[in-house]
Amino acid sequence: MKRVLDVGQCSPDHWSIKHLIEGELGAQLVQAHLAGEALEQLRAGPFDLVLVNRKFDADYSDGLELIRAIKSDAGLAAVPVMLVSNYPDAQAEAVAAGALPGFGKAELRAPATKEKLS
């Protein structure tokens, strides 16, 4: 079973993403609230994808910093990462840092989002 790490989402958004990932795509979703926790989980077990919120709900830290940390770590750099943000400029920064094109919460139910995640 594929595993997805969801980082920095508030509870309602996490549950919406969980419904999509587990209910519609048949993968397991694991939650992390902060960057340190996410890095520990990534090092502990294999993940097929990391979804990173633009601003973490727990402390409003910057999700782009986590993307940069993942992509600069030789042991984690190959793990695909997507930013969850409605802001095109934030998406462009994430892609420049090595992420795949992500999606915004407003696009969560769009067929194109499901296709990206597949």
PDB file of N, CA and C in Angstrom:
ATOM      1  N   MET A   1       0.845  -1.182   0.000  1.00  0.00           N
ATOM      2  CA  MET A   1       0.000   0.000   0.000  1.00  0.00           C
ATOM      3  C   MET A   1       0.891   1.246   0.000  1.00  0.00           C
ATOM      4  N   LYS A   2       0.555   2.193  -0.829  1.00  0.00           N
ATOM      5  CA  LYS A   2       1.298   3.452  -0.877  1.00  0.00           C
ATOM      6  C   LYS A   2       1.032   4.252   0.386  1.00  0.00           C
ATOM      7  N   ARG A   3       2.067   5.014   0.805  1.00  0.00           N
ATOM      8  CA  ARG A   3       1.954   5.831   2.018  1.00  0.00           C
ATOM      9  C   ARG A   3       2.212   7.291   1.671  1.00  0.00           C
ATOM     10  N   VAL A   4       1.371   8.159   2.214  1.00  0.00           N
ATOM     11  CA  VAL A   4       1.475   9.604   1.988  1.00  0.00           C
ATOM     12  C   VAL A   4       1.592  10.279   3.340  1.00  0.00           C
ATOM     13  N   LEU A   5       2.556  11.195   3.462  1.00  0.00           N
ATOM     14  CA  LEU A   5       2.714  11.991   4.677  1.00  0.00           C
ATOM     15  C   LEU A   5       2.090  13.358   4.447  1.00  0.00           C
ATOM     16  N   ASP A   6       1.172  13.738   5.308  1.00  0.00           N
ATOM     17  CA  ASP A   6       0.466  15.020   5.222  1.00  0.00           C
ATOM     18  C   ASP A   6       0.986  15.910   6.348  1.00  0.00           C
ATOM     19  N   VAL A   7       1.593  17.040   5.987  1.00  0.00           N
ATOM     20  CA  VAL A   7       2.277  17.869   6.977  1.00  0.00           C
ATOM     21  C   VAL A   7       1.639  19.255   7.091  1.00  0.00           C
ATOM     22  N   GLY A   8       1.280  19.607   8.332  1.00  0.00           N
ATOM     23  CA  GLY A   8       0.906  20.982   8.643  1.00  0.00           C
ATOM     24  C   GLY A   8      -0.542  21.373   8.432  1.00  0.00           C
ATOM     25  N   GLN A   9      -1.398  20.426   8.121  1.00  0.00           N
ATOM     26  CA  GLN A   9      -2.805  20.760   7.877  1.00  0.00           C
ATOM     27  C   GLN A   9      -3.570  20.913   9.182  1.00  0.00           C
ATOM     28  N   CYS A  10      -4.582  21.754   9.167  1.00  0.00           N
ATOM     29  CA  CYS A  10      -5.531  21.795  10.279  1.00  0.00           C
ATOM     30  C   CYS A  10      -6.384  20.528  10.197  1.00  0.00           C
ATOM     31  N   SER A  11      -7.103  20.208  11.257  1.00  0.00           N
ATOM     32  CA  SER A  11      -7.889  18.974  11.294  1.00  0.00           C
ATOM     33  C   SER A  11      -8.914  18.856  10.162  1.00  0.00           C
ATOM     34  N   PRO A  12      -9.726  19.895   9.893  1.00  0.00           N
ATOM     35  CA  PRO A  12     -10.707  19.744   8.808  1.00  0.00           C
ATOM     36  C   PRO A  12     -10.055  19.495   7.449  1.00  0.00           C
ATOM     37  N   ASP A  13      -8.944  20.188   7.167  1.00  0.00           N
ATOM     38  CA  ASP A  13      -8.274  19.979   5.881  1.00  0.00           C
ATOM     39  C   ASP A  13      -7.618  18.605   5.827  1.00  0.00           C
ATOM     40  N   HIS A  14      -7.037  18.176   6.941  1.00  0.00           N
ATOM     41  CA  HIS A  14      -6.441  16.835   6.978  1.00  0.00           C
ATOM     42  C   HIS A  14      -7.504  15.774   6.685  1.00  0.00           C
ATOM     43  N   TRP A  15      -8.686  15.914   7.276  1.00  0.00           N
ATOM     44  CA  TRP A  15      -9.734  14.922   7.054  1.00  0.00           C
ATOM     45  C   TRP A  15     -10.233  14.945   5.622  1.00  0.00           C
ATOM     46  N   SER A  16     -10.266  16.110   4.999  1.00  0.00           N
ATOM     47  CA  SER A  16     -10.652  16.191   3.584  1.00  0.00           C
ATOM     48  C   SER A  16      -9.617  15.499   2.702  1.00  0.00           C
ATOM     49  N   ILE A  17      -8.355  15.737   3.005  1.00  0.00           N
ATOM     50  CA  ILE A  17      -7.276  15.091   2.251  1.00  0.00           C
ATOM     51  C   ILE A  17      -7.290  13.583   2.514  1.00  0.00           C
ATOM     52  N   LYS A  18      -7.533  13.208   3.756  1.00  0.00           N
ATOM     53  CA  LYS A  18      -7.596  11.786   4.120  1.00  0.00           C
ATOM     54  C   LYS A  18      -8.698  11.079   3.329  1.00  0.00           C
ATOM     55  N   HIS A  19      -9.850  11.710   3.207  1.00  0.00           N
ATOM     56  CA  HIS A  19     -10.948  11.130   2.441  1.00  0.00           C
ATOM     57  C   HIS A  19     -10.505  10.865   1.000  1.00  0.00           C
ATOM     58  N   LEU A  20      -9.795  11.805   0.410  1.00  0.00           N
ATOM     59  CA  LEU A  20      -9.335  11.646  -0.967  1.00  0.00           C
ATOM     60  C   LEU A  20      -8.264  10.562  -1.071  1.00  0.00           C
ATOM     61  N   ILE A  21      -7.242  10.641  -0.224  1.00  0.00           N
ATOM     62  CA  ILE A  21      -6.103   9.718  -0.311  1.00  0.00           C
ATOM     63  C   ILE A  21      -6.510   8.290   0.046  1.00  0.00           C
ATOM     64  N   GLU A  22      -7.194   8.126   1.161  1.00  0.00           N
ATOM     65  CA  GLU A  22      -7.541   6.777   1.609  1.00  0.00           C
ATOM     66  C   GLU A  22      -8.824   6.263   0.954  1.00  0.00           C
ATOM     67  N   GLY A  23      -9.827   7.118   0.903  1.00  0.00           N
ATOM     68  CA  GLY A  23     -11.122   6.679   0.400  1.00  0.00           C
ATOM     69  C   GLY A  23     -11.186   6.509  -1.099  1.00  0.00           C
ATOM     70  N   GLU A  24     -10.524   7.394  -1.827  1.00  0.00           N
ATOM     71  CA  GLU A  24     -10.631   7.346  -3.285  1.00  0.00           C
ATOM     72  C   GLU A  24      -9.397   6.776  -3.968  1.00  0.00           C
ATOM     73  N   LEU A  25      -8.229   6.916  -3.353  1.00  0.00           N
ATOM     74  CA  LEU A  25      -6.992   6.451  -3.996  1.00  0.00           C
ATOM     75  C   LEU A  25      -6.423   5.188  -3.355  1.00  0.00           C
ATOM     76  N   GLY A  26      -6.958   4.781  -2.220  1.00  0.00           N
ATOM     77  CA  GLY A  26      -6.538   3.537  -1.601  1.00  0.00           C
ATOM     78  C   GLY A  26      -5.140   3.536  -1.006  1.00  0.00           C
ATOM     79  N   ALA A  27      -4.633   4.693  -0.646  1.00  0.00           N
ATOM     80  CA  ALA A  27      -3.320   4.800  -0.005  1.00  0.00           C
ATOM     81  C   ALA A  27      -3.512   5.105   1.477  1.00  0.00           C
ATOM     82  N   GLN A  28      -2.449   4.945   2.244  1.00  0.00           N
ATOM     83  CA  GLN A  28      -2.490   5.270   3.682  1.00  0.00           C
ATOM     84  C   GLN A  28      -1.994   6.701   3.867  1.00  0.00           C
ATOM     85  N   LEU A  29      -2.695   7.482   4.684  1.00  0.00           N
ATOM     86  CA  LEU A  29      -2.283   8.852   4.991  1.00  0.00           C
ATOM     87  C   LEU A  29      -1.822   8.927   6.437  1.00  0.00           C
ATOM     88  N   VAL A  30      -0.629   9.488   6.627  1.00  0.00           N
ATOM     89  CA  VAL A  30      -0.040   9.682   7.948  1.00  0.00           C
ATOM     90  C   VAL A  30       0.097  11.181   8.155  1.00  0.00           C
ATOM     91  N   GLN A  31      -0.205  11.655   9.353  1.00  0.00           N
ATOM     92  CA  GLN A  31      -0.173  13.091   9.631  1.00  0.00           C
ATOM     93  C   GLN A  31       1.034  13.483  10.467  1.00  0.00           C
ATOM     94  N   ALA A  32       1.618  14.631  10.145  1.00  0.00           N
ATOM     95  CA  ALA A  32       2.653  15.275  10.952  1.00  0.00           C
ATOM     96  C   ALA A  32       2.254  16.740  11.078  1.00  0.00           C
ATOM     97  N   HIS A  33       2.491  17.311  12.250  1.00  0.00           N
ATOM     98  CA  HIS A  33       2.084  18.695  12.470  1.00  0.00           C
ATOM     99  C   HIS A  33       3.197  19.707  12.212  1.00  0.00           C
ATOM    100  N   LEU A  34       4.441  19.315  12.464  1.00  0.00           N
ATOM    101  CA  LEU A  34       5.577  20.233  12.354  1.00  0.00           C
ATOM    102  C   LEU A  34       6.690  19.613  11.522  1.00  0.00           C
ATOM    103  N   ALA A  35       7.624  20.449  11.071  1.00  0.00           N
ATOM    104  CA  ALA A  35       8.714  20.002  10.208  1.00  0.00           C
ATOM    105  C   ALA A  35       9.577  18.932  10.860  1.00  0.00           C
ATOM    106  N   GLY A  36       9.958  19.110  12.109  1.00  0.00           N
ATOM    107  CA  GLY A  36      10.808  18.133  12.783  1.00  0.00           C
ATOM    108  C   GLY A  36      10.151  16.767  12.852  1.00  0.00           C
ATOM    109  N   GLU A  37       8.886  16.760  13.173  1.00  0.00           N
ATOM    110  CA  GLU A  37       8.122  15.513  13.228  1.00  0.00           C
ATOM    111  C   GLU A  37       8.062  14.863  11.844  1.00  0.00           C
ATOM    112  N   ALA A  38       7.853  15.673  10.825  1.00  0.00           N
ATOM    113  CA  ALA A  38       7.788  15.149   9.456  1.00  0.00           C
ATOM    114  C   ALA A  38       9.122  14.533   9.038  1.00  0.00           C
ATOM    115  N   LEU A  39      10.217  15.208   9.338  1.00  0.00           N
ATOM    116  CA  LEU A  39      11.532  14.675   8.976  1.00  0.00           C
ATOM    117  C   LEU A  39      11.813  13.363   9.706  1.00  0.00           C
ATOM    118  N   GLU A  40      11.434  13.269  10.968  1.00  0.00           N
ATOM    119  CA  GLU A  40      11.600  12.021  11.725  1.00  0.00           C
ATOM    120  C   GLU A  40      10.805  10.895  11.071  1.00  0.00           C
ATOM    121  N   GLN A  41       9.567  11.172  10.708  1.00  0.00           N
ATOM    122  CA  GLN A  41       8.733  10.137  10.091  1.00  0.00           C
ATOM    123  C   GLN A  41       9.282   9.720   8.732  1.00  0.00           C
ATOM    124  N   LEU A  42       9.774  10.687   7.965  1.00  0.00           N
ATOM    125  CA  LEU A  42      10.343  10.360   6.656  1.00  0.00           C
ATOM    126  C   LEU A  42      11.571   9.466   6.794  1.00  0.00           C
ATOM    127  N   ARG A  43      12.377   9.720   7.801  1.00  0.00           N
ATOM    128  CA  ARG A  43      13.588   8.915   8.014  1.00  0.00           C
ATOM    129  C   ARG A  43      13.265   7.535   8.578  1.00  0.00           C
ATOM    130  N   ALA A  44      12.135   7.411   9.269  1.00  0.00           N
ATOM    131  CA  ALA A  44      11.769   6.154   9.923  1.00  0.00           C
ATOM    132  C   ALA A  44      11.118   5.145   8.978  1.00  0.00           C
ATOM    133  N   GLY A  45      10.459   5.620   7.973  1.00  0.00           N
ATOM    134  CA  GLY A  45       9.746   4.671   7.131  1.00  0.00           C
ATOM    135  C   GLY A  45       9.532   5.211   5.739  1.00  0.00           C
ATOM    136  N   PRO A  46       9.343   4.329   4.803  1.00  0.00           N
ATOM    137  CA  PRO A  46       9.190   4.811   3.425  1.00  0.00           C
ATOM    138  C   PRO A  46       7.848   5.511   3.205  1.00  0.00           C
ATOM    139  N   PHE A  47       7.910   6.587   2.444  1.00  0.00           N
ATOM    140  CA  PHE A  47       6.713   7.305   2.000  1.00  0.00           C
ATOM    141  C   PHE A  47       6.807   7.490   0.501  1.00  0.00           C
ATOM    142  N   ASP A  48       5.669   7.433  -0.156  1.00  0.00           N
ATOM    143  CA  ASP A  48       5.613   7.586  -1.603  1.00  0.00           C
ATOM    144  C   ASP A  48       5.361   9.032  -2.028  1.00  0.00           C
ATOM    145  N   LEU A  49       4.885   9.847  -1.088  1.00  0.00           N
ATOM    146  CA  LEU A  49       4.570  11.241  -1.388  1.00  0.00           C
ATOM    147  C   LEU A  49       4.462  12.008  -0.080  1.00  0.00           C
ATOM    148  N   VAL A  50       4.869  13.281  -0.113  1.00  0.00           N
ATOM    149  CA  VAL A  50       4.693  14.175   1.027  1.00  0.00           C
ATOM    150  C   VAL A  50       3.874  15.366   0.554  1.00  0.00           C
ATOM    151  N   LEU A  51       2.792  15.651   1.270  1.00  0.00           N
ATOM    152  CA  LEU A  51       1.969  16.842   1.023  1.00  0.00           C
ATOM    153  C   LEU A  51       2.285  17.845   2.125  1.00  0.00           C
ATOM    154  N   VAL A  52       2.692  19.046   1.731  1.00  0.00           N
ATOM    155  CA  VAL A  52       3.131  20.054   2.689  1.00  0.00           C
ATOM    156  C   VAL A  52       2.237  21.279   2.584  1.00  0.00           C
ATOM    157  N   ASN A  53       1.630  21.665   3.700  1.00  0.00           N
ATOM    158  CA  ASN A  53       0.823  22.872   3.732  1.00  0.00           C
ATOM    159  C   ASN A  53       1.737  24.093   3.618  1.00  0.00           C
ATOM    160  N   ARG A  54       1.242  25.142   2.981  1.00  0.00           N
ATOM    161  CA  ARG A  54       2.043  26.363   2.804  1.00  0.00           C
ATOM    162  C   ARG A  54       2.433  26.960   4.148  1.00  0.00           C
ATOM    163  N   LYS A  55       1.501  27.031   5.078  1.00  0.00           N
ATOM    164  CA  LYS A  55       1.743  27.510   6.439  1.00  0.00           C
ATOM    165  C   LYS A  55       1.189  26.473   7.399  1.00  0.00           C
ATOM    166  N   PHE A  56       2.040  25.983   8.290  1.00  0.00           N
ATOM    167  CA  PHE A  56       1.618  24.923   9.210  1.00  0.00           C
ATOM    168  C   PHE A  56       0.610  25.467  10.213  1.00  0.00           C
ATOM    169  N   ASP A  57      -0.444  24.712  10.413  1.00  0.00           N
ATOM    170  CA  ASP A  57      -1.500  25.106  11.332  1.00  0.00           C
ATOM    171  C   ASP A  57      -0.991  25.230  12.767  1.00  0.00           C
ATOM    172  N   ALA A  58      -0.078  24.354  13.175  1.00  0.00           N
ATOM    173  CA  ALA A  58       0.370  24.307  14.574  1.00  0.00           C
ATOM    174  C   ALA A  58       1.144  25.550  15.001  1.00  0.00           C
ATOM    175  N   ASP A  59       1.986  26.083  14.120  1.00  0.00           N
ATOM    176  CA  ASP A  59       2.817  27.228  14.525  1.00  0.00           C
ATOM    177  C   ASP A  59       3.015  28.266  13.419  1.00  0.00           C
ATOM    178  N   TYR A  60       2.327  28.109  12.312  1.00  0.00           N
ATOM    179  CA  TYR A  60       2.373  28.999  11.158  1.00  0.00           C
ATOM    180  C   TYR A  60       3.767  29.091  10.531  1.00  0.00           C
ATOM    181  N   SER A  61       4.586  28.050  10.746  1.00  0.00           N
ATOM    182  CA  SER A  61       5.886  28.043  10.079  1.00  0.00           C
ATOM    183  C   SER A  61       5.692  27.775   8.591  1.00  0.00           C
ATOM    184  N   ASP A  62       6.726  28.044   7.831  1.00  0.00           N
ATOM    185  CA  ASP A  62       6.673  28.033   6.373  1.00  0.00           C
ATOM    186  C   ASP A  62       6.914  26.632   5.818  1.00  0.00           C
ATOM    187  N   GLY A  63       5.949  26.106   5.094  1.00  0.00           N
ATOM    188  CA  GLY A  63       6.073  24.794   4.487  1.00  0.00           C
ATOM    189  C   GLY A  63       7.172  24.714   3.444  1.00  0.00           C
ATOM    190  N   LEU A  64       7.483  25.838   2.801  1.00  0.00           N
ATOM    191  CA  LEU A  64       8.561  25.839   1.804  1.00  0.00           C
ATOM    192  C   LEU A  64       9.905  25.494   2.442  1.00  0.00           C
ATOM    193  N   GLU A  65      10.083  25.862   3.699  1.00  0.00           N
ATOM    194  CA  GLU A  65      11.330  25.511   4.393  1.00  0.00           C
ATOM    195  C   GLU A  65      11.453  24.004   4.553  1.00  0.00           C
ATOM    196  N   LEU A  66      10.352  23.325   4.828  1.00  0.00           N
ATOM    197  CA  LEU A  66      10.384  21.867   4.928  1.00  0.00           C
ATOM    198  C   LEU A  66      10.702  21.264   3.564  1.00  0.00           C
ATOM    199  N   ILE A  67      10.099  21.776   2.514  1.00  0.00           N
ATOM    200  CA  ILE A  67      10.391  21.262   1.169  1.00  0.00           C
ATOM    201  C   ILE A  67      11.880  21.399   0.871  1.00  0.00           C
ATOM    202  N   ARG A  68      12.444  22.546   1.184  1.00  0.00           N
ATOM    203  CA  ARG A  68      13.882  22.751   0.955  1.00  0.00           C
ATOM    204  C   ARG A  68      14.721  21.781   1.782  1.00  0.00           C
ATOM    205  N   ALA A  69      14.309  21.535   3.034  1.00  0.00           N
ATOM    206  CA  ALA A  69      15.037  20.603   3.894  1.00  0.00           C
ATOM    207  C   ALA A  69      14.980  19.186   3.335  1.00  0.00           C
ATOM    208  N   ILE A  70      13.835  18.771   2.862  1.00  0.00           N
ATOM    209  CA  ILE A  70      13.693  17.426   2.286  1.00  0.00           C
ATOM    210  C   ILE A  70      14.558  17.300   1.046  1.00  0.00           C
ATOM    211  N   LYS A  71      14.482  18.272   0.169  1.00  0.00           N
ATOM    212  CA  LYS A  71      15.193  18.202  -1.103  1.00  0.00           C
ATOM    213  C   LYS A  71      16.707  18.375  -0.953  1.00  0.00           C
ATOM    214  N   SER A  72      17.159  18.936   0.158  1.00  0.00           N
ATOM    215  CA  SER A  72      18.602  19.096   0.371  1.00  0.00           C
ATOM    216  C   SER A  72      19.209  17.932   1.161  1.00  0.00           C
ATOM    217  N   ASP A  73      18.372  16.999   1.615  1.00  0.00           N
ATOM    218  CA  ASP A  73      18.832  15.835   2.371  1.00  0.00           C
ATOM    219  C   ASP A  73      19.005  14.663   1.396  1.00  0.00           C
ATOM    220  N   ALA A  74      20.228  14.189   1.250  1.00  0.00           N
ATOM    221  CA  ALA A  74      20.522  13.130   0.278  1.00  0.00           C
ATOM    222  C   ALA A  74      19.658  11.883   0.488  1.00  0.00           C
ATOM    223  N   GLY A  75      19.315  11.577   1.724  1.00  0.00           N
ATOM    224  CA  GLY A  75      18.509  10.402   2.009  1.00  0.00           C
ATOM    225  C   GLY A  75      17.024  10.579   1.742  1.00  0.00           C
ATOM    226  N   LEU A  76      16.580  11.814   1.587  1.00  0.00           N
ATOM    227  CA  LEU A  76      15.152  12.093   1.399  1.00  0.00           C
ATOM    228  C   LEU A  76      14.818  12.761   0.072  1.00  0.00           C
ATOM    229  N   ALA A  77      15.817  13.264  -0.613  1.00  0.00           N
ATOM    230  CA  ALA A  77      15.599  14.103  -1.800  1.00  0.00           C
ATOM    231  C   ALA A  77      14.765  13.432  -2.888  1.00  0.00           C
ATOM    232  N   ALA A  78      14.812  12.113  -2.967  1.00  0.00           N
ATOM    233  CA  ALA A  78      14.070  11.408  -4.026  1.00  0.00           C
ATOM    234  C   ALA A  78      12.579  11.268  -3.728  1.00  0.00           C
ATOM    235  N   VAL A  79      12.164  11.538  -2.501  1.00  0.00           N
ATOM    236  CA  VAL A  79      10.746  11.423  -2.146  1.00  0.00           C
ATOM    237  C   VAL A  79       9.967  12.561  -2.816  1.00  0.00           C
ATOM    238  N   PRO A  80       8.941  12.241  -3.587  1.00  0.00           N
ATOM    239  CA  PRO A  80       8.135  13.291  -4.212  1.00  0.00           C
ATOM    240  C   PRO A  80       7.406  14.131  -3.161  1.00  0.00           C
ATOM    241  N   VAL A  81       7.378  15.430  -3.401  1.00  0.00           N
ATOM    242  CA  VAL A  81       6.746  16.383  -2.489  1.00  0.00           C
ATOM    243  C   VAL A  81       5.832  17.293  -3.301  1.00  0.00           C
ATOM    244  N   MET A  82       4.678  17.620  -2.728  1.00  0.00           N
ATOM    245  CA  MET A  82       3.758  18.600  -3.323  1.00  0.00           C
ATOM    246  C   MET A  82       3.363  19.618  -2.268  1.00  0.00           C
ATOM    247  N   LEU A  83       3.256  20.872  -2.674  1.00  0.00           N
ATOM    248  CA  LEU A  83       2.759  21.923  -1.794  1.00  0.00           C
ATOM    249  C   LEU A  83       1.246  21.983  -1.898  1.00  0.00           C
ATOM    250  N   VAL A  84       0.584  22.139  -0.756  1.00  0.00           N
ATOM    251  CA  VAL A  84      -0.861  22.347  -0.719  1.00  0.00           C
ATOM    252  C   VAL A  84      -1.070  23.837  -0.480  1.00  0.00           C
ATOM    253  N   SER A  85      -1.428  24.548  -1.558  1.00  0.00           N
ATOM    254  CA  SER A  85      -1.622  25.994  -1.478  1.00  0.00           C
ATOM    255  C   SER A  85      -2.424  26.467  -2.680  1.00  0.00           C
ATOM    256  N   ASN A  86      -3.308  27.429  -2.442  1.00  0.00           N
ATOM    257  CA  ASN A  86      -4.068  28.051  -3.521  1.00  0.00           C
ATOM    258  C   ASN A  86      -3.290  29.156  -4.220  1.00  0.00           C
ATOM    259  N   TYR A  87      -2.110  29.517  -3.709  1.00  0.00           N
ATOM    260  CA  TYR A  87      -1.349  30.650  -4.235  1.00  0.00           C
ATOM    261  C   TYR A  87      -0.374  30.216  -5.320  1.00  0.00           C
ATOM    262  N   PRO A  88      -0.554  30.708  -6.557  1.00  0.00           N
ATOM    263  CA  PRO A  88       0.341  30.323  -7.656  1.00  0.00           C
ATOM    264  C   PRO A  88       1.811  30.670  -7.396  1.00  0.00           C
ATOM    265  N   ASP A  89       2.075  31.806  -6.742  1.00  0.00           N
ATOM    266  CA  ASP A  89       3.471  32.175  -6.479  1.00  0.00           C
ATOM    267  C   ASP A  89       4.123  31.196  -5.505  1.00  0.00           C
ATOM    268  N   ALA A  90       3.381  30.719  -4.519  1.00  0.00           N
ATOM    269  CA  ALA A  90       3.908  29.730  -3.582  1.00  0.00           C
ATOM    270  C   ALA A  90       4.140  28.404  -4.310  1.00  0.00           C
ATOM    271  N   GLN A  91       3.244  28.031  -5.201  1.00  0.00           N
ATOM    272  CA  GLN A  91       3.431  26.813  -5.992  1.00  0.00           C
ATOM    273  C   GLN A  91       4.699  26.921  -6.840  1.00  0.00           C
ATOM    274  N   ALA A  92       4.916  28.078  -7.449  1.00  0.00           N
ATOM    275  CA  ALA A  92       6.111  28.279  -8.278  1.00  0.00           C
ATOM    276  C   ALA A  92       7.382  28.167  -7.433  1.00  0.00           C
ATOM    277  N   GLU A  93       7.368  28.730  -6.234  1.00  0.00           N
ATOM    278  CA  GLU A  93       8.530  28.622  -5.338  1.00  0.00           C
ATOM    279  C   GLU A  93       8.783  27.175  -4.948  1.00  0.00           C
ATOM    280  N   ALA A  94       7.719  26.440  -4.680  1.00  0.00           N
ATOM    281  CA  ALA A  94       7.863  25.031  -4.290  1.00  0.00           C
ATOM    282  C   ALA A  94       8.468  24.221  -5.432  1.00  0.00           C
ATOM    283  N   VAL A  95       7.995  24.443  -6.646  1.00  0.00           N
ATOM    284  CA  VAL A  95       8.535  23.730  -7.808  1.00  0.00           C
ATOM    285  C   VAL A  95      10.005  24.103  -8.006  1.00  0.00           C
ATOM    286  N   ALA A  96      10.335  25.373  -7.836  1.00  0.00           N
ATOM    287  CA  ALA A  96      11.735  25.809  -7.954  1.00  0.00           C
ATOM    288  C   ALA A  96      12.618  25.135  -6.898  1.00  0.00           C
ATOM    289  N   ALA A  97      12.030  24.788  -5.755  1.00  0.00           N
ATOM    290  CA  ALA A  97      12.777  24.124  -4.677  1.00  0.00           C
ATOM    291  C   ALA A  97      12.840  22.604  -4.867  1.00  0.00           C
ATOM    292  N   GLY A  98      12.173  22.088  -5.908  1.00  0.00           N
ATOM    293  CA  GLY A  98      12.245  20.661  -6.190  1.00  0.00           C
ATOM    294  C   GLY A  98      10.954  19.885  -6.028  1.00  0.00           C
ATOM    295  N   ALA A  99       9.871  20.564  -5.647  1.00  0.00           N
ATOM    296  CA  ALA A  99       8.582  19.883  -5.486  1.00  0.00           C
ATOM    297  C   ALA A  99       7.923  19.650  -6.840  1.00  0.00           C
ATOM    298  N   LEU A 100       7.009  18.701  -6.857  1.00  0.00           N
ATOM    299  CA  LEU A 100       6.143  18.515  -8.014  1.00  0.00           C
ATOM    300  C   LEU A 100       5.057  19.583  -7.958  1.00  0.00           C
ATOM    301  N   PRO A 101       4.429  19.908  -9.083  1.00  0.00           N
ATOM    302  CA  PRO A 101       3.316  20.854  -9.027  1.00  0.00           C
ATOM    303  C   PRO A 101       2.227  20.311  -8.101  1.00  0.00           C
ATOM    304  N   GLY A 102       1.823  21.128  -7.142  1.00  0.00           N
ATOM    305  CA  GLY A 102       0.841  20.714  -6.150  1.00  0.00           C
ATOM    306  C   GLY A 102      -0.549  21.202  -6.488  1.00  0.00           C
ATOM    307  N   PHE A 103      -1.326  21.417  -5.462  1.00  0.00           N
ATOM    308  CA  PHE A 103      -2.722  21.820  -5.631  1.00  0.00           C
ATOM    309  C   PHE A 103      -3.144  22.633  -4.420  1.00  0.00           C
ATOM    310  N   GLY A 104      -4.224  23.367  -4.594  1.00  0.00           N
ATOM    311  CA  GLY A 104      -4.775  24.149  -3.495  1.00  0.00           C
ATOM    312  C   GLY A 104      -5.968  23.437  -2.877  1.00  0.00           C
ATOM    313  N   LYS A 105      -6.320  23.860  -1.704  1.00  0.00           N
ATOM    314  CA  LYS A 105      -7.469  23.252  -1.026  1.00  0.00           C
ATOM    315  C   LYS A 105      -8.761  23.503  -1.792  1.00  0.00           C
ATOM    316  N   ALA A 106      -8.802  24.607  -2.532  1.00  0.00           N
ATOM    317  CA  ALA A 106      -9.976  24.895  -3.343  1.00  0.00           C
ATOM    318  C   ALA A 106     -10.111  23.900  -4.496  1.00  0.00           C
ATOM    319  N   GLU A 107      -9.011  23.218  -4.842  1.00  0.00           N
ATOM    320  CA  GLU A 107      -8.997  22.259  -5.948  1.00  0.00           C
ATOM    321  C   GLU A 107      -9.086  20.814  -5.468  1.00  0.00           C
ATOM    322  N   LEU A 108      -9.305  20.623  -4.186  1.00  0.00           N
ATOM    323  CA  LEU A 108      -9.246  19.283  -3.609  1.00  0.00           C
ATOM    324  C   LEU A 108     -10.201  18.298  -4.272  1.00  0.00           C
ATOM    325  N   ARG A 109     -11.366  18.746  -4.663  1.00  0.00           N
ATOM    326  CA  ARG A 109     -12.368  17.860  -5.265  1.00  0.00           C
ATOM    327  C   ARG A 109     -12.275  17.812  -6.799  1.00  0.00           C
ATOM    328  N   ALA A 110     -11.355  18.577  -7.371  1.00  0.00           N
ATOM    329  CA  ALA A 110     -11.231  18.623  -8.827  1.00  0.00           C
ATOM    330  C   ALA A 110     -10.637  17.321  -9.367  1.00  0.00           C
ATOM    331  N   PRO A 111     -11.149  16.839 -10.487  1.00  0.00           N
ATOM    332  CA  PRO A 111     -10.594  15.632 -11.090  1.00  0.00           C
ATOM    333  C   PRO A 111      -9.085  15.746 -11.367  1.00  0.00           C
ATOM    334  N   ALA A 112      -8.619  16.945 -11.715  1.00  0.00           N
ATOM    335  CA  ALA A 112      -7.188  17.135 -11.989  1.00  0.00           C
ATOM    336  C   ALA A 112      -6.332  16.868 -10.754  1.00  0.00           C
ATOM    337  N   THR A 113      -6.847  17.163  -9.574  1.00  0.00           N
ATOM    338  CA  THR A 113      -6.102  16.904  -8.335  1.00  0.00           C
ATOM    339  C   THR A 113      -5.972  15.406  -8.104  1.00  0.00           C
ATOM    340  N   LYS A 114      -7.051  14.690  -8.297  1.00  0.00           N
ATOM    341  CA  LYS A 114      -7.009  13.240  -8.139  1.00  0.00           C
ATOM    342  C   LYS A 114      -6.033  12.627  -9.140  1.00  0.00           C
ATOM    343  N   GLU A 115      -6.020  13.170 -10.343  1.00  0.00           N
ATOM    344  CA  GLU A 115      -5.098  12.684 -11.374  1.00  0.00           C
ATOM    345  C   GLU A 115      -3.636  12.958 -10.978  1.00  0.00           C
ATOM    346  N   LYS A 116      -3.351  14.148 -10.435  1.00  0.00           N
ATOM    347  CA  LYS A 116      -1.997  14.473  -9.979  1.00  0.00           C
ATOM    348  C   LYS A 116      -1.545  13.498  -8.890  1.00  0.00           C
ATOM    349  N   LEU A 117      -2.441  13.209  -7.980  1.00  0.00           N
ATOM    350  CA  LEU A 117      -2.100  12.334  -6.852  1.00  0.00           C
ATOM    351  C   LEU A 117      -1.981  10.866  -7.255  1.00  0.00           C
ATOM    352  N   SER A 118      -2.646  10.495  -8.321  1.00  0.00           N
ATOM    353  CA  SER A 118      -2.565   9.106  -8.794  1.00  0.00           C
ATOM    354  C   SER A 118      -1.186   8.827  -9.316  1.00  0.00           C
TER     355      SER A 118
END
